[in-house]
């Protein structure tokens, strides 16, 4: 990839071959993009998922500096997990 300060374009190749064609991707500045929120508030997660995240915080798998973020995630008992349990063993 090639970055240049004077241009808003990133040049990239899809191959390591030196003779491969290069492509341009235009980079937009943050000032040009305005996103509207999709939701009025944070969506809650299931109680089971919340309990799992809190356990990861308690077991120090998630660093303590991030605990506040995870403990304050909204949760609800009527929210179901969207993904099925994995059949892959740990």
C-alpha atoms as a PDB file:
ATOM      1  CA  UNK A   1       0.000   0.000   0.000  1.00  0.00           C
ATOM      2  CA  UNK A   2       1.084   3.509  -0.684  1.00  0.00           C
ATOM      3  CA  UNK A   3      -0.026   6.531   1.346  1.00  0.00           C
ATOM      4  CA  UNK A   4       0.625  10.128   0.337  1.00  0.00           C
ATOM      5  CA  UNK A   5      -0.259  13.159   2.441  1.00  0.00           C
ATOM      6  CA  UNK A   6      -1.112  15.347  -0.530  1.00  0.00           C
ATOM      7  CA  UNK A   7      -3.710  12.984  -1.982  1.00  0.00           C
ATOM      8  CA  UNK A   8      -6.824  11.319  -0.618  1.00  0.00           C
ATOM      9  CA  UNK A   9      -6.046   8.041  -2.411  1.00  0.00           C
ATOM     10  CA  UNK A  10      -4.542   4.764  -1.235  1.00  0.00           C
ATOM     11  CA  UNK A  11      -2.874   2.632  -3.890  1.00  0.00           C
ATOM     12  CA  UNK A  12      -2.939  -1.118  -3.312  1.00  0.00           C
ATOM     13  CA  UNK A  13      -2.182  -4.384  -5.091  1.00  0.00           C
ATOM     14  CA  UNK A  14      -3.908  -7.722  -4.693  1.00  0.00           C
ATOM     15  CA  UNK A  15      -0.704  -9.606  -5.453  1.00  0.00           C
ATOM     16  CA  UNK A  16       2.881  -9.562  -4.216  1.00  0.00           C
ATOM     17  CA  UNK A  17       4.033  -9.704  -7.849  1.00  0.00           C
ATOM     18  CA  UNK A  18       5.917  -6.498  -8.708  1.00  0.00           C
ATOM     19  CA  UNK A  19       4.274  -6.331 -12.139  1.00  0.00           C
ATOM     20  CA  UNK A  20       0.730  -6.755 -10.778  1.00  0.00           C
ATOM     21  CA  UNK A  21      -1.758  -3.994 -11.480  1.00  0.00           C
ATOM     22  CA  UNK A  22      -2.393  -1.476  -8.713  1.00  0.00           C
ATOM     23  CA  UNK A  23      -5.777  -0.097  -7.717  1.00  0.00           C
ATOM     24  CA  UNK A  24      -6.814   3.212  -6.148  1.00  0.00           C
ATOM     25  CA  UNK A  25      -9.130   3.529  -3.155  1.00  0.00           C
ATOM     26  CA  UNK A  26     -10.356   7.009  -2.312  1.00  0.00           C
ATOM     27  CA  UNK A  27     -10.061   7.961   1.344  1.00  0.00           C
ATOM     28  CA  UNK A  28     -12.713  10.277   2.701  1.00  0.00           C
ATOM     29  CA  UNK A  29     -11.922  12.617   5.540  1.00  0.00           C
ATOM     30  CA  UNK A  30     -13.898  12.381   8.769  1.00  0.00           C
ATOM     31  CA  UNK A  31     -15.406  15.812   8.168  1.00  0.00           C
ATOM     32  CA  UNK A  32     -17.222  14.681   4.994  1.00  0.00           C
ATOM     33  CA  UNK A  33     -19.041  11.739   6.561  1.00  0.00           C
ATOM     34  CA  UNK A  34     -21.981  12.263   8.874  1.00  0.00           C
ATOM     35  CA  UNK A  35     -23.564   9.145  10.296  1.00  0.00           C
ATOM     36  CA  UNK A  36     -26.916   9.072  11.975  1.00  0.00           C
ATOM     37  CA  UNK A  37     -27.483   6.733  14.922  1.00  0.00           C
ATOM     38  CA  UNK A  38     -29.484   3.615  14.108  1.00  0.00           C
ATOM     39  CA  UNK A  39     -30.942   3.327  17.606  1.00  0.00           C
ATOM     40  CA  UNK A  40     -32.073   5.802  20.244  1.00  0.00           C
ATOM     41  CA  UNK A  41     -30.229   3.889  22.980  1.00  0.00           C
ATOM     42  CA  UNK A  42     -27.901   0.923  23.392  1.00  0.00           C
ATOM     43  CA  UNK A  43     -29.543  -2.425  22.684  1.00  0.00           C
ATOM     44  CA  UNK A  44     -29.569  -4.805  25.643  1.00  0.00           C
ATOM     45  CA  UNK A  45     -27.820  -8.172  25.626  1.00  0.00           C
ATOM     46  CA  UNK A  46     -29.107 -11.374  27.198  1.00  0.00           C
ATOM     47  CA  UNK A  47     -28.593 -11.956  30.919  1.00  0.00           C
ATOM     48  CA  UNK A  48     -26.560 -15.098  30.167  1.00  0.00           C
ATOM     49  CA  UNK A  49     -24.200 -13.175  27.886  1.00  0.00           C
ATOM     50  CA  UNK A  50     -23.906 -10.366  30.453  1.00  0.00           C
ATOM     51  CA  UNK A  51     -23.136 -12.866  33.236  1.00  0.00           C
ATOM     52  CA  UNK A  52     -20.455 -14.448  31.019  1.00  0.00           C
ATOM     53  CA  UNK A  53     -18.822 -11.078  30.380  1.00  0.00           C
ATOM     54  CA  UNK A  54     -18.857 -10.188  34.080  1.00  0.00           C
ATOM     55  CA  UNK A  55     -17.284 -13.567  34.884  1.00  0.00           C
ATOM     56  CA  UNK A  56     -14.524 -12.841  32.359  1.00  0.00           C
ATOM     57  CA  UNK A  57     -13.930  -9.548  34.172  1.00  0.00           C
ATOM     58  CA  UNK A  58     -13.906 -11.249  37.576  1.00  0.00           C
ATOM     59  CA  UNK A  59     -11.505 -13.949  36.327  1.00  0.00           C
ATOM     60  CA  UNK A  60      -9.217 -11.166  34.983  1.00  0.00           C
ATOM     61  CA  UNK A  61      -9.539 -12.427  31.389  1.00  0.00           C
ATOM     62  CA  UNK A  62     -10.831  -8.962  30.503  1.00  0.00           C
ATOM     63  CA  UNK A  63      -8.419  -6.372  31.951  1.00  0.00           C
ATOM     64  CA  UNK A  64      -9.726  -4.410  34.934  1.00  0.00           C
ATOM     65  CA  UNK A  65      -9.431  -1.112  33.036  1.00  0.00           C
ATOM     66  CA  UNK A  66     -12.284  -2.284  30.745  1.00  0.00           C
ATOM     67  CA  UNK A  67     -14.512  -3.708  33.502  1.00  0.00           C
ATOM     68  CA  UNK A  68     -16.547  -0.500  33.807  1.00  0.00           C
ATOM     69  CA  UNK A  69     -17.502  -0.725  30.109  1.00  0.00           C
ATOM     70  CA  UNK A  70     -18.735  -4.315  30.390  1.00  0.00           C
ATOM     71  CA  UNK A  71     -20.538  -3.968  33.721  1.00  0.00           C
ATOM     72  CA  UNK A  72     -22.574  -1.046  32.355  1.00  0.00           C
ATOM     73  CA  UNK A  73     -23.826  -2.822  29.225  1.00  0.00           C
ATOM     74  CA  UNK A  74     -27.646  -2.845  29.257  1.00  0.00           C
ATOM     75  CA  UNK A  75     -29.148  -6.299  29.747  1.00  0.00           C
ATOM     76  CA  UNK A  76     -32.622  -7.781  29.796  1.00  0.00           C
ATOM     77  CA  UNK A  77     -34.055 -11.156  30.704  1.00  0.00           C
ATOM     78  CA  UNK A  78     -36.317 -11.214  27.636  1.00  0.00           C
ATOM     79  CA  UNK A  79     -33.426 -10.871  25.136  1.00  0.00           C
ATOM     80  CA  UNK A  80     -32.386 -14.128  23.463  1.00  0.00           C
ATOM     81  CA  UNK A  81     -28.909 -14.848  22.125  1.00  0.00           C
ATOM     82  CA  UNK A  82     -28.857 -14.514  18.353  1.00  0.00           C
ATOM     83  CA  UNK A  83     -26.126 -17.064  17.755  1.00  0.00           C
ATOM     84  CA  UNK A  84     -26.438 -20.751  18.598  1.00  0.00           C
ATOM     85  CA  UNK A  85     -23.932 -22.443  20.867  1.00  0.00           C
ATOM     86  CA  UNK A  86     -20.745 -23.452  19.081  1.00  0.00           C
ATOM     87  CA  UNK A  87     -20.145 -27.152  18.530  1.00  0.00           C
ATOM     88  CA  UNK A  88     -16.382 -26.566  18.566  1.00  0.00           C
ATOM     89  CA  UNK A  89     -14.698 -27.758  21.744  1.00  0.00           C
ATOM     90  CA  UNK A  90     -12.440 -25.311  23.591  1.00  0.00           C
END
